Amino acid sequence: ELLLHDFEKNYHMYVYPVHWQFHQ
């Protein structure tokens, strides 16, 4: 529940890590 809330509240923090892993 906290992880979901944080993703919705601080969405921009999670975009780059997801892209970064793909390109790794």
mmCIF file of all heavy atoms, coordinates in Angstrom:
data_MODEL
# 
_entry.id   MODEL 
# 
loop_
_atom_site.group_PDB 
_atom_site.id 
_atom_site.type_symbol 
_atom_site.label_atom_id 
_atom_site.label_alt_id 
_atom_site.label_comp_id 
_atom_site.label_asym_id 
_atom_site.label_entity_id 
_atom_site.label_seq_id 
_atom_site.pdbx_PDB_ins_code 
_atom_site.Cartn_x 
_atom_site.Cartn_y 
_atom_site.Cartn_z 
_atom_site.occupancy 
_atom_site.B_iso_or_equiv 
_atom_site.pdbx_formal_charge 
_atom_site.auth_seq_id 
_atom_site.auth_comp_id 
_atom_site.auth_asym_id 
_atom_site.auth_atom_id 
_atom_site.pdbx_PDB_model_num 
ATOM 1   N N   . GLU A 1 1  ? 0.830  -1.209 0.000   1.00 0.00 ? 1  GLU A N   1 
ATOM 2   C CA  . GLU A 1 1  ? 0.000  0.000  0.000   1.00 0.00 ? 1  GLU A CA  1 
ATOM 3   C C   . GLU A 1 1  ? 0.863  1.258  0.000   1.00 0.00 ? 1  GLU A C   1 
ATOM 4   O O   . GLU A 1 1  ? 0.569  2.229  -0.705  1.00 0.00 ? 1  GLU A O   1 
ATOM 5   C CB  . GLU A 1 1  ? -0.926 0.018  1.233   1.00 0.00 ? 1  GLU A CB  1 
ATOM 6   C CG  . GLU A 1 1  ? -1.992 -1.054 1.245   1.00 0.00 ? 1  GLU A CG  1 
ATOM 7   C CD  . GLU A 1 1  ? -1.474 -2.420 1.685   1.00 0.00 ? 1  GLU A CD  1 
ATOM 8   O OE1 . GLU A 1 1  ? -0.339 -2.485 2.220   1.00 0.00 ? 1  GLU A OE1 1 
ATOM 9   O OE2 . GLU A 1 1  ? -2.198 -3.410 1.481   1.00 0.00 ? 1  GLU A OE2 1 
ATOM 10  N N   . LEU A 1 2  ? 1.957  1.222  0.783   1.00 0.00 ? 2  LEU A N   1 
ATOM 11  C CA  . LEU A 1 2  ? 2.865  2.371  0.833   1.00 0.00 ? 2  LEU A CA  1 
ATOM 12  C C   . LEU A 1 2  ? 3.615  2.526  -0.485  1.00 0.00 ? 2  LEU A C   1 
ATOM 13  O O   . LEU A 1 2  ? 3.810  3.644  -0.975  1.00 0.00 ? 2  LEU A O   1 
ATOM 14  C CB  . LEU A 1 2  ? 3.861  2.209  1.993   1.00 0.00 ? 2  LEU A CB  1 
ATOM 15  C CG  . LEU A 1 2  ? 4.885  3.340  2.173   1.00 0.00 ? 2  LEU A CG  1 
ATOM 16  C CD1 . LEU A 1 2  ? 4.180  4.680  2.349   1.00 0.00 ? 2  LEU A CD1 1 
ATOM 17  C CD2 . LEU A 1 2  ? 5.792  3.062  3.377   1.00 0.00 ? 2  LEU A CD2 1 
ATOM 18  N N   . LEU A 1 3  ? 4.039  1.398  -1.071  1.00 0.00 ? 3  LEU A N   1 
ATOM 19  C CA  . LEU A 1 3  ? 4.759  1.446  -2.350  1.00 0.00 ? 3  LEU A CA  1 
ATOM 20  C C   . LEU A 1 3  ? 3.856  2.015  -3.447  1.00 0.00 ? 3  LEU A C   1 
ATOM 21  O O   . LEU A 1 3  ? 4.306  2.803  -4.281  1.00 0.00 ? 3  LEU A O   1 
ATOM 22  C CB  . LEU A 1 3  ? 5.240  0.047  -2.743  1.00 0.00 ? 3  LEU A CB  1 
ATOM 23  C CG  . LEU A 1 3  ? 6.344  -0.570 -1.873  1.00 0.00 ? 3  LEU A CG  1 
ATOM 24  C CD1 . LEU A 1 3  ? 6.612  -2.003 -2.319  1.00 0.00 ? 3  LEU A CD1 1 
ATOM 25  C CD2 . LEU A 1 3  ? 7.625  0.256  -1.964  1.00 0.00 ? 3  LEU A CD2 1 
ATOM 26  N N   . LEU A 1 4  ? 2.593  1.615  -3.451  1.00 0.00 ? 4  LEU A N   1 
ATOM 27  C CA  . LEU A 1 4  ? 1.641  2.118  -4.443  1.00 0.00 ? 4  LEU A CA  1 
ATOM 28  C C   . LEU A 1 4  ? 1.392  3.610  -4.239  1.00 0.00 ? 4  LEU A C   1 
ATOM 29  O O   . LEU A 1 4  ? 1.398  4.390  -5.204  1.00 0.00 ? 4  LEU A O   1 
ATOM 30  C CB  . LEU A 1 4  ? 0.324  1.343  -4.348  1.00 0.00 ? 4  LEU A CB  1 
ATOM 31  C CG  . LEU A 1 4  ? -0.768 1.741  -5.350  1.00 0.00 ? 4  LEU A CG  1 
ATOM 32  C CD1 . LEU A 1 4  ? -0.272 1.568  -6.787  1.00 0.00 ? 4  LEU A CD1 1 
ATOM 33  C CD2 . LEU A 1 4  ? -2.032 0.931  -5.119  1.00 0.00 ? 4  LEU A CD2 1 
ATOM 34  N N   . HIS A 1 5  ? 1.221  4.009  -2.997  1.00 0.00 ? 5  HIS A N   1 
ATOM 35  C CA  . HIS A 1 5  ? 0.988  5.429  -2.679  1.00 0.00 ? 5  HIS A CA  1 
ATOM 36  C C   . HIS A 1 5  ? 2.185  6.272  -3.109  1.00 0.00 ? 5  HIS A C   1 
ATOM 37  O O   . HIS A 1 5  ? 2.019  7.345  -3.705  1.00 0.00 ? 5  HIS A O   1 
ATOM 38  C CB  . HIS A 1 5  ? 0.739  5.595  -1.176  1.00 0.00 ? 5  HIS A CB  1 
ATOM 39  C CG  . HIS A 1 5  ? 0.630  7.022  -0.746  1.00 0.00 ? 5  HIS A CG  1 
ATOM 40  N ND1 . HIS A 1 5  ? -0.470 7.804  -1.037  1.00 0.00 ? 5  HIS A ND1 1 
ATOM 41  C CD2 . HIS A 1 5  ? 1.511  7.830  -0.065  1.00 0.00 ? 5  HIS A CD2 1 
ATOM 42  C CE1 . HIS A 1 5  ? -0.281 9.029  -0.552  1.00 0.00 ? 5  HIS A CE1 1 
ATOM 43  N NE2 . HIS A 1 5  ? 0.909  9.064  0.032   1.00 0.00 ? 5  HIS A NE2 1 
ATOM 44  N N   . ASP A 1 6  ? 3.395  5.780  -2.834  1.00 0.00 ? 6  ASP A N   1 
ATOM 45  C CA  . ASP A 1 6  ? 4.593  6.537  -3.177  1.00 0.00 ? 6  ASP A CA  1 
ATOM 46  C C   . ASP A 1 6  ? 4.760  6.636  -4.692  1.00 0.00 ? 6  ASP A C   1 
ATOM 47  O O   . ASP A 1 6  ? 5.192  7.673  -5.205  1.00 0.00 ? 6  ASP A O   1 
ATOM 48  C CB  . ASP A 1 6  ? 5.834  5.885  -2.564  1.00 0.00 ? 6  ASP A CB  1 
ATOM 49  C CG  . ASP A 1 6  ? 7.049  6.791  -2.644  1.00 0.00 ? 6  ASP A CG  1 
ATOM 50  O OD1 . ASP A 1 6  ? 7.016  7.885  -2.033  1.00 0.00 ? 6  ASP A OD1 1 
ATOM 51  O OD2 . ASP A 1 6  ? 8.026  6.433  -3.339  1.00 0.00 ? 6  ASP A OD2 1 
ATOM 52  N N   . PHE A 1 7  ? 4.414  5.578  -5.411  1.00 0.00 ? 7  PHE A N   1 
ATOM 53  C CA  . PHE A 1 7  ? 4.518  5.595  -6.870  1.00 0.00 ? 7  PHE A CA  1 
ATOM 54  C C   . PHE A 1 7  ? 3.562  6.635  -7.457  1.00 0.00 ? 7  PHE A C   1 
ATOM 55  O O   . PHE A 1 7  ? 3.933  7.391  -8.363  1.00 0.00 ? 7  PHE A O   1 
ATOM 56  C CB  . PHE A 1 7  ? 4.209  4.211  -7.442  1.00 0.00 ? 7  PHE A CB  1 
ATOM 57  C CG  . PHE A 1 7  ? 4.242  4.155  -8.943  1.00 0.00 ? 7  PHE A CG  1 
ATOM 58  C CD1 . PHE A 1 7  ? 5.404  4.422  -9.655  1.00 0.00 ? 7  PHE A CD1 1 
ATOM 59  C CD2 . PHE A 1 7  ? 3.094  3.822  -9.659  1.00 0.00 ? 7  PHE A CD2 1 
ATOM 60  C CE1 . PHE A 1 7  ? 5.432  4.368  -11.048 1.00 0.00 ? 7  PHE A CE1 1 
ATOM 61  C CE2 . PHE A 1 7  ? 3.115  3.769  -11.042 1.00 0.00 ? 7  PHE A CE2 1 
ATOM 62  C CZ  . PHE A 1 7  ? 4.281  4.046  -11.739 1.00 0.00 ? 7  PHE A CZ  1 
ATOM 63  N N   . GLU A 1 8  ? 2.358  6.696  -6.909  1.00 0.00 ? 8  GLU A N   1 
ATOM 64  C CA  . GLU A 1 8  ? 1.379  7.662  -7.401  1.00 0.00 ? 8  GLU A CA  1 
ATOM 65  C C   . GLU A 1 8  ? 1.766  9.093  -7.036  1.00 0.00 ? 8  GLU A C   1 
ATOM 66  O O   . GLU A 1 8  ? 1.583  10.022 -7.823  1.00 0.00 ? 8  GLU A O   1 
ATOM 67  C CB  . GLU A 1 8  ? -0.008 7.325  -6.837  1.00 0.00 ? 8  GLU A CB  1 
ATOM 68  C CG  . GLU A 1 8  ? -0.578 6.021  -7.387  1.00 0.00 ? 8  GLU A CG  1 
ATOM 69  C CD  . GLU A 1 8  ? -1.829 5.559  -6.666  1.00 0.00 ? 8  GLU A CD  1 
ATOM 70  O OE1 . GLU A 1 8  ? -2.152 6.138  -5.599  1.00 0.00 ? 8  GLU A OE1 1 
ATOM 71  O OE2 . GLU A 1 8  ? -2.486 4.624  -7.165  1.00 0.00 ? 8  GLU A OE2 1 
ATOM 72  N N   . LYS A 1 9  ? 2.351  9.256  -5.849  1.00 0.00 ? 9  LYS A N   1 
ATOM 73  C CA  . LYS A 1 9  ? 2.709  10.591 -5.354  1.00 0.00 ? 9  LYS A CA  1 
ATOM 74  C C   . LYS A 1 9  ? 4.023  11.088 -5.961  1.00 0.00 ? 9  LYS A C   1 
ATOM 75  O O   . LYS A 1 9  ? 4.166  12.274 -6.274  1.00 0.00 ? 9  LYS A O   1 
ATOM 76  C CB  . LYS A 1 9  ? 2.827  10.530 -3.827  1.00 0.00 ? 9  LYS A CB  1 
ATOM 77  C CG  . LYS A 1 9  ? 3.026  11.876 -3.161  1.00 0.00 ? 9  LYS A CG  1 
ATOM 78  C CD  . LYS A 1 9  ? 3.089  11.708 -1.650  1.00 0.00 ? 9  LYS A CD  1 
ATOM 79  C CE  . LYS A 1 9  ? 3.395  13.039 -0.974  1.00 0.00 ? 9  LYS A CE  1 
ATOM 80  N NZ  . LYS A 1 9  ? 3.533  12.866 0.508   1.00 0.00 ? 9  LYS A NZ  1 
ATOM 81  N N   . ASN A 1 10 ? 5.002  10.177 -6.117  1.00 0.00 ? 10 ASN A N   1 
ATOM 82  C CA  . ASN A 1 10 ? 6.337  10.561 -6.607  1.00 0.00 ? 10 ASN A CA  1 
ATOM 83  C C   . ASN A 1 10 ? 6.682  9.793  -7.885  1.00 0.00 ? 10 ASN A C   1 
ATOM 84  O O   . ASN A 1 10 ? 7.784  9.280  -8.029  1.00 0.00 ? 10 ASN A O   1 
ATOM 85  C CB  . ASN A 1 10 ? 7.389  10.299 -5.524  1.00 0.00 ? 10 ASN A CB  1 
ATOM 86  C CG  . ASN A 1 10 ? 7.142  11.107 -4.271  1.00 0.00 ? 10 ASN A CG  1 
ATOM 87  O OD1 . ASN A 1 10 ? 7.030  12.330 -4.336  1.00 0.00 ? 10 ASN A OD1 1 
ATOM 88  N ND2 . ASN A 1 10 ? 7.038  10.442 -3.137  1.00 0.00 ? 10 ASN A ND2 1 
ATOM 89  N N   . TYR A 1 11 ? 5.728  9.755  -8.796  1.00 0.00 ? 11 TYR A N   1 
ATOM 90  C CA  . TYR A 1 11 ? 5.858  8.997  -10.040 1.00 0.00 ? 11 TYR A CA  1 
ATOM 91  C C   . TYR A 1 11 ? 7.173  9.278  -10.775 1.00 0.00 ? 11 TYR A C   1 
ATOM 92  O O   . TYR A 1 11 ? 7.846  8.361  -11.262 1.00 0.00 ? 11 TYR A O   1 
ATOM 93  C CB  . TYR A 1 11 ? 4.658  9.327  -10.929 1.00 0.00 ? 11 TYR A CB  1 
ATOM 94  C CG  . TYR A 1 11 ? 4.763  8.829  -12.348 1.00 0.00 ? 11 TYR A CG  1 
ATOM 95  C CD1 . TYR A 1 11 ? 4.472  7.505  -12.668 1.00 0.00 ? 11 TYR A CD1 1 
ATOM 96  C CD2 . TYR A 1 11 ? 5.134  9.695  -13.388 1.00 0.00 ? 11 TYR A CD2 1 
ATOM 97  C CE1 . TYR A 1 11 ? 4.549  7.047  -13.978 1.00 0.00 ? 11 TYR A CE1 1 
ATOM 98  C CE2 . TYR A 1 11 ? 5.218  9.239  -14.697 1.00 0.00 ? 11 TYR A CE2 1 
ATOM 99  C CZ  . TYR A 1 11 ? 4.932  7.921  -14.981 1.00 0.00 ? 11 TYR A CZ  1 
ATOM 100 O OH  . TYR A 1 11 ? 5.027  7.471  -16.274 1.00 0.00 ? 11 TYR A OH  1 
ATOM 101 N N   . HIS A 1 12 ? 7.563  10.559 -10.846 1.00 0.00 ? 12 HIS A N   1 
ATOM 102 C CA  . HIS A 1 12 ? 8.748  10.957 -11.622 1.00 0.00 ? 12 HIS A CA  1 
ATOM 103 C C   . HIS A 1 12 ? 10.028 10.294 -11.134 1.00 0.00 ? 12 HIS A C   1 
ATOM 104 O O   . HIS A 1 12 ? 10.977 10.133 -11.893 1.00 0.00 ? 12 HIS A O   1 
ATOM 105 C CB  . HIS A 1 12 ? 8.914  12.478 -11.582 1.00 0.00 ? 12 HIS A CB  1 
ATOM 106 C CG  . HIS A 1 12 ? 9.133  13.015 -10.199 1.00 0.00 ? 12 HIS A CG  1 
ATOM 107 N ND1 . HIS A 1 12 ? 8.099  13.164 -9.287  1.00 0.00 ? 12 HIS A ND1 1 
ATOM 108 C CD2 . HIS A 1 12 ? 10.264 13.412 -9.555  1.00 0.00 ? 12 HIS A CD2 1 
ATOM 109 C CE1 . HIS A 1 12 ? 8.581  13.641 -8.150  1.00 0.00 ? 12 HIS A CE1 1 
ATOM 110 N NE2 . HIS A 1 12 ? 9.881  13.797 -8.281  1.00 0.00 ? 12 HIS A NE2 1 
ATOM 111 N N   . MET A 1 13 ? 10.076 9.865  -9.864  1.00 0.00 ? 13 MET A N   1 
ATOM 112 C CA  . MET A 1 13 ? 11.285 9.226  -9.321  1.00 0.00 ? 13 MET A CA  1 
ATOM 113 C C   . MET A 1 13 ? 11.497 7.817  -9.872  1.00 0.00 ? 13 MET A C   1 
ATOM 114 O O   . MET A 1 13 ? 12.596 7.286  -9.803  1.00 0.00 ? 13 MET A O   1 
ATOM 115 C CB  . MET A 1 13 ? 11.207 9.126  -7.789  1.00 0.00 ? 13 MET A CB  1 
ATOM 116 C CG  . MET A 1 13 ? 11.373 10.428 -7.059  1.00 0.00 ? 13 MET A CG  1 
ATOM 117 S SD  . MET A 1 13 ? 11.650 10.089 -5.301  1.00 0.00 ? 13 MET A SD  1 
ATOM 118 C CE  . MET A 1 13 ? 11.119 11.634 -4.588  1.00 0.00 ? 13 MET A CE  1 
ATOM 119 N N   . TYR A 1 14 ? 10.453 7.212  -10.389 1.00 0.00 ? 14 TYR A N   1 
ATOM 120 C CA  . TYR A 1 14 ? 10.526 5.810  -10.803 1.00 0.00 ? 14 TYR A CA  1 
ATOM 121 C C   . TYR A 1 14 ? 10.732 5.639  -12.305 1.00 0.00 ? 14 TYR A C   1 
ATOM 122 O O   . TYR A 1 14 ? 11.031 4.536  -12.762 1.00 0.00 ? 14 TYR A O   1 
ATOM 123 C CB  . TYR A 1 14 ? 9.242  5.085  -10.385 1.00 0.00 ? 14 TYR A CB  1 
ATOM 124 C CG  . TYR A 1 14 ? 9.100  4.965  -8.885  1.00 0.00 ? 14 TYR A CG  1 
ATOM 125 C CD1 . TYR A 1 14 ? 8.421  5.938  -8.148  1.00 0.00 ? 14 TYR A CD1 1 
ATOM 126 C CD2 . TYR A 1 14 ? 9.657  3.891  -8.193  1.00 0.00 ? 14 TYR A CD2 1 
ATOM 127 C CE1 . TYR A 1 14 ? 8.303  5.840  -6.769  1.00 0.00 ? 14 TYR A CE1 1 
ATOM 128 C CE2 . TYR A 1 14 ? 9.537  3.782  -6.813  1.00 0.00 ? 14 TYR A CE2 1 
ATOM 129 C CZ  . TYR A 1 14 ? 8.858  4.762  -6.109  1.00 0.00 ? 14 TYR A CZ  1 
ATOM 130 O OH  . TYR A 1 14 ? 8.751  4.661  -4.745  1.00 0.00 ? 14 TYR A OH  1 
ATOM 131 N N   . VAL A 1 15 ? 10.549 6.713  -13.076 1.00 0.00 ? 15 VAL A N   1 
ATOM 132 C CA  . VAL A 1 15 ? 10.643 6.603  -14.530 1.00 0.00 ? 15 VAL A CA  1 
ATOM 133 C C   . VAL A 1 15 ? 12.065 6.250  -14.969 1.00 0.00 ? 15 VAL A C   1 
ATOM 134 O O   . VAL A 1 15 ? 12.276 5.282  -15.716 1.00 0.00 ? 15 VAL A O   1 
ATOM 135 C CB  . VAL A 1 15 ? 10.173 7.909  -15.206 1.00 0.00 ? 15 VAL A CB  1 
ATOM 136 C CG1 . VAL A 1 15 ? 10.353 7.812  -16.721 1.00 0.00 ? 15 VAL A CG1 1 
ATOM 137 C CG2 . VAL A 1 15 ? 8.715  8.185  -14.865 1.00 0.00 ? 15 VAL A CG2 1 
ATOM 138 N N   . TYR A 1 16 ? 13.039 7.019  -14.500 1.00 0.00 ? 16 TYR A N   1 
ATOM 139 C CA  . TYR A 1 16 ? 14.413 6.788  -14.953 1.00 0.00 ? 16 TYR A CA  1 
ATOM 140 C C   . TYR A 1 16 ? 14.950 5.411  -14.545 1.00 0.00 ? 16 TYR A C   1 
ATOM 141 O O   . TYR A 1 16 ? 15.561 4.724  -15.386 1.00 0.00 ? 16 TYR A O   1 
ATOM 142 C CB  . TYR A 1 16 ? 15.363 7.883  -14.471 1.00 0.00 ? 16 TYR A CB  1 
ATOM 143 C CG  . TYR A 1 16 ? 16.773 7.662  -14.957 1.00 0.00 ? 16 TYR A CG  1 
ATOM 144 C CD1 . TYR A 1 16 ? 17.079 7.791  -16.312 1.00 0.00 ? 16 TYR A CD1 1 
ATOM 145 C CD2 . TYR A 1 16 ? 17.787 7.262  -14.080 1.00 0.00 ? 16 TYR A CD2 1 
ATOM 146 C CE1 . TYR A 1 16 ? 18.357 7.540  -16.781 1.00 0.00 ? 16 TYR A CE1 1 
ATOM 147 C CE2 . TYR A 1 16 ? 19.073 7.013  -14.551 1.00 0.00 ? 16 TYR A CE2 1 
ATOM 148 C CZ  . TYR A 1 16 ? 19.347 7.158  -15.896 1.00 0.00 ? 16 TYR A CZ  1 
ATOM 149 O OH  . TYR A 1 16 ? 20.610 6.905  -16.363 1.00 0.00 ? 16 TYR A OH  1 
ATOM 150 N N   . PRO A 1 17 ? 14.763 4.951  -13.294 1.00 0.00 ? 17 PRO A N   1 
ATOM 151 C CA  . PRO A 1 17 ? 15.268 3.616  -12.934 1.00 0.00 ? 17 PRO A CA  1 
ATOM 152 C C   . PRO A 1 17 ? 14.739 2.495  -13.836 1.00 0.00 ? 17 PRO A C   1 
ATOM 153 O O   . PRO A 1 17 ? 15.475 1.564  -14.174 1.00 0.00 ? 17 PRO A O   1 
ATOM 154 C CB  . PRO A 1 17 ? 14.786 3.434  -11.488 1.00 0.00 ? 17 PRO A CB  1 
ATOM 155 C CG  . PRO A 1 17 ? 14.717 4.823  -10.950 1.00 0.00 ? 17 PRO A CG  1 
ATOM 156 C CD  . PRO A 1 17 ? 14.242 5.656  -12.107 1.00 0.00 ? 17 PRO A CD  1 
ATOM 157 N N   . VAL A 1 18 ? 13.467 2.599  -14.253 1.00 0.00 ? 18 VAL A N   1 
ATOM 158 C CA  . VAL A 1 18 ? 12.887 1.574  -15.137 1.00 0.00 ? 18 VAL A CA  1 
ATOM 159 C C   . VAL A 1 18 ? 13.547 1.630  -16.512 1.00 0.00 ? 18 VAL A C   1 
ATOM 160 O O   . VAL A 1 18 ? 13.917 0.605  -17.084 1.00 0.00 ? 18 VAL A O   1 
ATOM 161 C CB  . VAL A 1 18 ? 11.352 1.762  -15.249 1.00 0.00 ? 18 VAL A CB  1 
ATOM 162 C CG1 . VAL A 1 18 ? 10.770 0.879  -16.350 1.00 0.00 ? 18 VAL A CG1 1 
ATOM 163 C CG2 . VAL A 1 18 ? 10.680 1.419  -13.918 1.00 0.00 ? 18 VAL A CG2 1 
ATOM 164 N N   . HIS A 1 19 ? 13.737 2.844  -17.044 1.00 0.00 ? 19 HIS A N   1 
ATOM 165 C CA  . HIS A 1 19 ? 14.416 3.002  -18.336 1.00 0.00 ? 19 HIS A CA  1 
ATOM 166 C C   . HIS A 1 19 ? 15.871 2.539  -18.244 1.00 0.00 ? 19 HIS A C   1 
ATOM 167 O O   . HIS A 1 19 ? 16.385 1.870  -19.147 1.00 0.00 ? 19 HIS A O   1 
ATOM 168 C CB  . HIS A 1 19 ? 14.376 4.469  -18.782 1.00 0.00 ? 19 HIS A CB  1 
ATOM 169 C CG  . HIS A 1 19 ? 13.043 4.901  -19.290 1.00 0.00 ? 19 HIS A CG  1 
ATOM 170 N ND1 . HIS A 1 19 ? 12.725 6.209  -19.557 1.00 0.00 ? 19 HIS A ND1 1 
ATOM 171 C CD2 . HIS A 1 19 ? 11.919 4.188  -19.572 1.00 0.00 ? 19 HIS A CD2 1 
ATOM 172 C CE1 . HIS A 1 19 ? 11.485 6.291  -20.001 1.00 0.00 ? 19 HIS A CE1 1 
ATOM 173 N NE2 . HIS A 1 19 ? 10.971 5.073  -20.002 1.00 0.00 ? 19 HIS A NE2 1 
ATOM 174 N N   . TRP A 1 20 ? 16.515 2.906  -17.146 1.00 0.00 ? 20 TRP A N   1 
ATOM 175 C CA  . TRP A 1 20 ? 17.933 2.556  -16.947 1.00 0.00 ? 20 TRP A CA  1 
ATOM 176 C C   . TRP A 1 20 ? 18.137 1.042  -16.980 1.00 0.00 ? 20 TRP A C   1 
ATOM 177 O O   . TRP A 1 20 ? 19.045 0.550  -17.643 1.00 0.00 ? 20 TRP A O   1 
ATOM 178 C CB  . TRP A 1 20 ? 18.418 3.127  -15.614 1.00 0.00 ? 20 TRP A CB  1 
ATOM 179 C CG  . TRP A 1 20 ? 19.752 2.608  -15.175 1.00 0.00 ? 20 TRP A CG  1 
ATOM 180 C CD1 . TRP A 1 20 ? 20.982 3.025  -15.589 1.00 0.00 ? 20 TRP A CD1 1 
ATOM 181 C CD2 . TRP A 1 20 ? 19.993 1.558  -14.225 1.00 0.00 ? 20 TRP A CD2 1 
ATOM 182 N NE1 . TRP A 1 20 ? 21.974 2.310  -14.961 1.00 0.00 ? 20 TRP A NE1 1 
ATOM 183 C CE2 . TRP A 1 20 ? 21.397 1.400  -14.122 1.00 0.00 ? 20 TRP A CE2 1 
ATOM 184 C CE3 . TRP A 1 20 ? 19.159 0.745  -13.446 1.00 0.00 ? 20 TRP A CE3 1 
ATOM 185 C CZ2 . TRP A 1 20 ? 21.970 0.453  -13.274 1.00 0.00 ? 20 TRP A CZ2 1 
ATOM 186 C CZ3 . TRP A 1 20 ? 19.735 -0.192 -12.607 1.00 0.00 ? 20 TRP A CZ3 1 
ATOM 187 C CH2 . TRP A 1 20 ? 21.131 -0.330 -12.535 1.00 0.00 ? 20 TRP A CH2 1 
ATOM 188 N N   . GLN A 1 21 ? 17.282 0.290  -16.283 1.00 0.00 ? 21 GLN A N   1 
ATOM 189 C CA  . GLN A 1 21 ? 17.441 -1.162 -16.247 1.00 0.00 ? 21 GLN A CA  1 
ATOM 190 C C   . GLN A 1 21 ? 17.257 -1.780 -17.628 1.00 0.00 ? 21 GLN A C   1 
ATOM 191 O O   . GLN A 1 21 ? 17.986 -2.703 -18.007 1.00 0.00 ? 21 GLN A O   1 
ATOM 192 C CB  . GLN A 1 21 ? 16.457 -1.795 -15.262 1.00 0.00 ? 21 GLN A CB  1 
ATOM 193 C CG  . GLN A 1 21 ? 16.552 -3.305 -15.145 1.00 0.00 ? 21 GLN A CG  1 
ATOM 194 C CD  . GLN A 1 21 ? 17.900 -3.775 -14.606 1.00 0.00 ? 21 GLN A CD  1 
ATOM 195 O OE1 . GLN A 1 21 ? 18.131 -3.824 -13.415 1.00 0.00 ? 21 GLN A OE1 1 
ATOM 196 N NE2 . GLN A 1 21 ? 18.817 -4.127 -15.501 1.00 0.00 ? 21 GLN A NE2 1 
ATOM 197 N N   . PHE A 1 22 ? 16.296 -1.252 -18.392 1.00 0.00 ? 22 PHE A N   1 
ATOM 198 C CA  . PHE A 1 22 ? 16.092 -1.765 -19.751 1.00 0.00 ? 22 PHE A CA  1 
ATOM 199 C C   . PHE A 1 22 ? 17.364 -1.612 -20.575 1.00 0.00 ? 22 PHE A C   1 
ATOM 200 O O   . PHE A 1 22 ? 17.820 -2.560 -21.226 1.00 0.00 ? 22 PHE A O   1 
ATOM 201 C CB  . PHE A 1 22 ? 14.936 -1.023 -20.434 1.00 0.00 ? 22 PHE A CB  1 
ATOM 202 C CG  . PHE A 1 22 ? 14.610 -1.549 -21.808 1.00 0.00 ? 22 PHE A CG  1 
ATOM 203 C CD1 . PHE A 1 22 ? 13.636 -2.522 -21.981 1.00 0.00 ? 22 PHE A CD1 1 
ATOM 204 C CD2 . PHE A 1 22 ? 15.286 -1.073 -22.934 1.00 0.00 ? 22 PHE A CD2 1 
ATOM 205 C CE1 . PHE A 1 22 ? 13.335 -3.012 -23.247 1.00 0.00 ? 22 PHE A CE1 1 
ATOM 206 C CE2 . PHE A 1 22 ? 14.999 -1.567 -24.200 1.00 0.00 ? 22 PHE A CE2 1 
ATOM 207 C CZ  . PHE A 1 22 ? 14.018 -2.538 -24.362 1.00 0.00 ? 22 PHE A CZ  1 
ATOM 208 N N   . HIS A 1 23 ? 17.958 -0.429 -20.524 1.00 0.00 ? 23 HIS A N   1 
ATOM 209 C CA  . HIS A 1 23 ? 19.143 -0.171 -21.351 1.00 0.00 ? 23 HIS A CA  1 
ATOM 210 C C   . HIS A 1 23 ? 20.392 -0.876 -20.820 1.00 0.00 ? 23 HIS A C   1 
ATOM 211 O O   . HIS A 1 23 ? 21.330 -1.118 -21.570 1.00 0.00 ? 23 HIS A O   1 
ATOM 212 C CB  . HIS A 1 23 ? 19.358 1.333  -21.505 1.00 0.00 ? 23 HIS A CB  1 
ATOM 213 C CG  . HIS A 1 23 ? 18.277 1.984  -22.307 1.00 0.00 ? 23 HIS A CG  1 
ATOM 214 N ND1 . HIS A 1 23 ? 18.100 1.728  -23.650 1.00 0.00 ? 23 HIS A ND1 1 
ATOM 215 C CD2 . HIS A 1 23 ? 17.277 2.828  -21.955 1.00 0.00 ? 23 HIS A CD2 1 
ATOM 216 C CE1 . HIS A 1 23 ? 17.061 2.413  -24.093 1.00 0.00 ? 23 HIS A CE1 1 
ATOM 217 N NE2 . HIS A 1 23 ? 16.538 3.079  -23.082 1.00 0.00 ? 23 HIS A NE2 1 
ATOM 218 N N   . GLN A 1 24 ? 20.398 -1.235 -19.536 1.00 0.00 ? 24 GLN A N   1 
ATOM 219 C CA  . GLN A 1 24 ? 21.485 -2.052 -18.989 1.00 0.00 ? 24 GLN A CA  1 
ATOM 220 C C   . GLN A 1 24 ? 21.467 -3.449 -19.601 1.00 0.00 ? 24 GLN A C   1 
ATOM 221 O O   . GLN A 1 24 ? 22.504 -4.078 -19.784 1.00 0.00 ? 24 GLN A O   1 
ATOM 222 C CB  . GLN A 1 24 ? 21.349 -2.169 -17.459 1.00 0.00 ? 24 GLN A CB  1 
ATOM 223 C CG  . GLN A 1 24 ? 21.694 -0.921 -16.689 1.00 0.00 ? 24 GLN A CG  1 
ATOM 224 C CD  . GLN A 1 24 ? 23.182 -0.584 -16.781 1.00 0.00 ? 24 GLN A CD  1 
ATOM 225 O OE1 . GLN A 1 24 ? 23.574 0.355  -17.462 1.00 0.00 ? 24 GLN A OE1 1 
ATOM 226 N NE2 . GLN A 1 24 ? 24.011 -1.346 -16.115 1.00 0.00 ? 24 GLN A NE2 1 
# 
